[in-house]
Protein backbone atom coordinates (compact mmCIF):
# COMPACT_ATOMS: atom_id res chain seq x y z
CA MET A 1 -27.15 -4.33 -26.68
CA LYS A 2 -23.35 -4.33 -26.40
CA LYS A 3 -23.36 -0.91 -24.76
CA THR A 4 -25.62 -2.10 -21.93
CA ASN A 5 -23.47 -5.20 -21.37
CA PHE A 6 -20.40 -3.02 -21.19
CA LEU A 7 -22.05 -0.66 -18.70
CA ALA A 8 -23.30 -3.55 -16.59
CA ALA A 9 -19.85 -5.12 -16.51
CA GLY A 10 -18.35 -1.77 -15.51
CA LEU A 11 -20.84 -1.34 -12.67
CA ILE A 12 -20.22 -4.86 -11.40
CA ALA A 13 -16.45 -4.31 -11.47
CA ALA A 14 -16.80 -0.99 -9.64
CA MET A 15 -18.82 -2.67 -6.92
CA MET A 16 -16.34 -5.55 -6.58
CA VAL A 17 -13.22 -3.43 -5.93
CA PRO A 18 -14.30 -2.17 -2.47
CA ALA A 19 -15.42 -5.67 -1.51
CA VAL A 20 -12.03 -7.13 -2.39
CA ALA A 21 -10.23 -4.36 -0.49
CA GLN A 22 -12.46 -4.89 2.51
CA ALA A 23 -11.81 -8.65 2.45
CA GLN A 24 -8.06 -8.06 2.34
CA THR A 25 -8.25 -5.60 5.23
CA ARG A 26 -10.29 -8.13 7.22
CA GLU A 27 -7.68 -10.80 6.48
CA ILE A 28 -4.89 -8.56 7.78
CA ARG A 29 -6.89 -7.84 10.93
CA GLU A 30 -7.45 -11.57 11.52
CA ASP A 31 -3.77 -12.33 10.88
CA ARG A 32 -2.77 -9.70 13.46
CA ARG A 33 -5.11 -11.27 16.00
CA GLU A 34 -3.63 -14.69 15.27
CA VAL A 35 -0.08 -13.36 15.74
CA ARG A 36 -1.07 -11.95 19.15
CA GLU A 37 -2.58 -15.28 20.18
CA GLU A 38 0.44 -17.27 19.02
CA ARG A 39 2.82 -14.86 20.79
CA ARG A 40 0.81 -15.31 24.00
CA GLU A 41 0.97 -19.12 23.67
CA TYR A 42 4.69 -19.00 22.87
CA ASN A 43 5.40 -16.87 25.96
CA GLN A 44 3.36 -19.26 28.06
CA ALA A 45 5.36 -22.21 26.69
CA LEU A 46 8.60 -20.39 27.54
CA ARG A 47 7.42 -20.03 31.14
CA HIS A 48 5.84 -23.43 31.71
CA GLY A 49 6.62 -25.78 28.83
CA ASP A 50 9.38 -28.19 27.91
CA ARG A 51 11.68 -27.90 24.88
CA HIS A 52 9.24 -29.66 22.57
CA ASP A 53 6.37 -27.31 23.50
CA ILE A 54 8.60 -24.26 23.08
CA ARG A 55 9.83 -25.40 19.67
CA GLU A 56 6.29 -26.12 18.47
CA GLU A 57 4.89 -22.79 19.72
CA ARG A 58 7.82 -20.88 18.20
CA ARG A 59 7.12 -22.56 14.84
CA GLU A 60 3.42 -21.66 15.02
CA TYR A 61 4.25 -18.08 16.04
CA ASN A 62 6.66 -17.69 13.12
CA ASP A 63 4.08 -19.15 10.71
CA ALA A 64 1.49 -16.64 11.92
CA ARG A 65 3.97 -13.77 11.46
CA ARG A 66 4.79 -14.99 7.95
CA ASP A 67 1.07 -15.12 7.08
CA LEU A 68 0.67 -11.54 8.29
CA ARG A 69 3.65 -10.36 6.22
CA GLU A 70 2.22 -12.06 3.11
CA SER A 71 -1.21 -10.52 3.67
CA LYS A 72 0.32 -7.06 4.02
CA ARG A 73 2.47 -7.59 0.92
CA ASP A 74 -0.58 -8.69 -1.09
CA TRP A 75 -2.54 -5.67 0.10
CA ARG A 76 0.29 -3.29 -0.87
CA ARG A 77 0.68 -4.96 -4.26
CA ASP A 78 -3.03 -4.60 -5.01
CA HIS A 79 -3.18 -0.96 -3.85
CA ARG A 80 0.16 0.34 -5.11
CA TYR A 81 -1.02 2.04 -8.29
CA GLN A 82 -4.74 2.07 -7.70
CA ASN A 83 -5.25 5.82 -7.15
CA TYR A 84 -2.70 7.42 -9.43
CA ARG A 85 -5.27 9.20 -11.60
CA ALA A 86 -6.27 12.31 -9.78
CA PRO A 87 -9.77 13.83 -9.85
CA PHE A 88 -8.21 16.89 -11.46
CA ARG A 89 -6.82 17.44 -14.94
CA TYR A 90 -3.21 16.78 -15.85
CA GLN A 91 -0.85 19.65 -15.24
CA GLN A 92 2.89 19.53 -15.80
CA PHE A 93 4.57 20.55 -12.55
CA ARG A 94 8.02 22.08 -12.14
CA VAL A 95 10.43 22.13 -9.24
CA GLY A 96 9.40 24.81 -6.76
CA ALA A 97 5.70 24.69 -7.59
CA THR A 98 3.40 24.70 -4.59
CA LEU A 99 0.70 22.05 -4.57
CA ARG A 100 -2.64 22.13 -2.84
CA PRO A 101 -2.85 19.44 -0.11
CA SER A 102 -5.37 17.47 -2.19
CA TYR A 103 -2.61 16.81 -4.77
CA TYR A 104 -0.41 15.01 -2.25
CA ALA A 105 -3.13 13.50 -0.07
CA PRO A 106 -2.41 9.99 1.24
CA ALA A 107 -4.57 8.46 -1.51
CA TYR A 108 -2.05 9.64 -4.14
CA ARG A 109 1.13 8.81 -2.26
CA ILE A 110 2.83 5.67 -3.43
CA GLY A 111 5.20 3.36 -1.61
CA TYR A 112 8.85 3.55 -2.56
CA ASP A 113 10.20 0.88 -4.88
CA ARG A 114 13.98 0.78 -5.40
CA ARG A 115 13.48 -0.59 -8.91
CA TRP A 116 12.33 2.89 -9.97
CA GLY A 117 15.93 4.08 -9.99
CA VAL A 118 15.20 7.13 -7.83
CA PRO A 119 16.52 7.88 -4.34
CA GLN A 120 14.38 7.09 -1.34
CA ALA A 121 12.31 10.01 -0.02
CA GLY A 122 13.79 11.73 3.01
CA ARG A 123 12.17 13.25 6.05
CA ASN A 124 8.91 15.13 5.32
CA LEU A 125 9.15 14.09 1.65
CA VAL A 126 6.80 11.75 -0.19
CA TYR A 127 6.52 10.42 -3.71
CA VAL A 128 3.24 11.25 -5.42
CA ARG A 129 2.08 9.85 -8.72
CA HIS A 130 0.37 12.40 -10.92
CA TYR A 131 -0.71 10.56 -14.06
CA ASN A 132 2.62 9.30 -15.53
CA ASP A 133 4.78 11.77 -13.60
CA LEU A 134 6.49 11.03 -10.31
CA LEU A 135 6.71 14.02 -7.99
CA LEU A 136 8.82 14.31 -4.85
CA VAL A 137 6.85 16.64 -2.57
CA ASN A 138 7.63 18.26 0.77
CA VAL A 139 4.51 17.57 2.84
CA ARG A 140 5.16 20.45 5.24
CA ASN A 141 4.78 23.20 2.66
CA GLY A 142 3.56 21.43 -0.51
CA LYS A 143 6.60 22.40 -2.59
CA VAL A 144 7.67 20.11 -5.43
CA VAL A 145 11.29 19.12 -4.78
CA ARG A 146 11.89 16.90 -7.81
CA VAL A 147 9.92 15.95 -10.92
CA TYR A 148 10.37 12.79 -12.97
CA HIS A 149 8.33 13.39 -16.14
CA ASN A 150 6.83 10.27 -17.83
CA HIS A 151 8.40 8.06 -15.19
CA PHE A 152 5.58 5.49 -15.35
CA ARG A 153 5.14 5.53 -19.10
CA TRP A 154 6.39 1.94 -19.61
CA ARG A 155 5.26 0.49 -16.29
């Protein structure tokens, strides 16, 4: 009985993740539309309104921009470490190794966070999470530039 409950809960959770992601993406899209509308109204107030109208429209425009920034930040927070487990087995990479493009596909690239204590990736370089390792990869040729073994072990 417990096994079926566990499986059912797992299936429900698996179905919920795409729905949540889709809702967040929809929210970002709506926030972008609202920013465009508020910018249009603010520009119209600059052309034809008095100081009070301009001040009010500027406030609404800034609020819409802040909402969009928060939506994007929430989306990034929820998706930051979602795809770090690759569909292939763990392999310990070394500097100079050449990766297949599937290893550094956009789904496995992670956004830079200065709290990691590593330098920011330069031009044509991306950070890729491979299980607990952090790899700095050149996307032009697939070469591993730097390896941080067990970087995410305590995170």
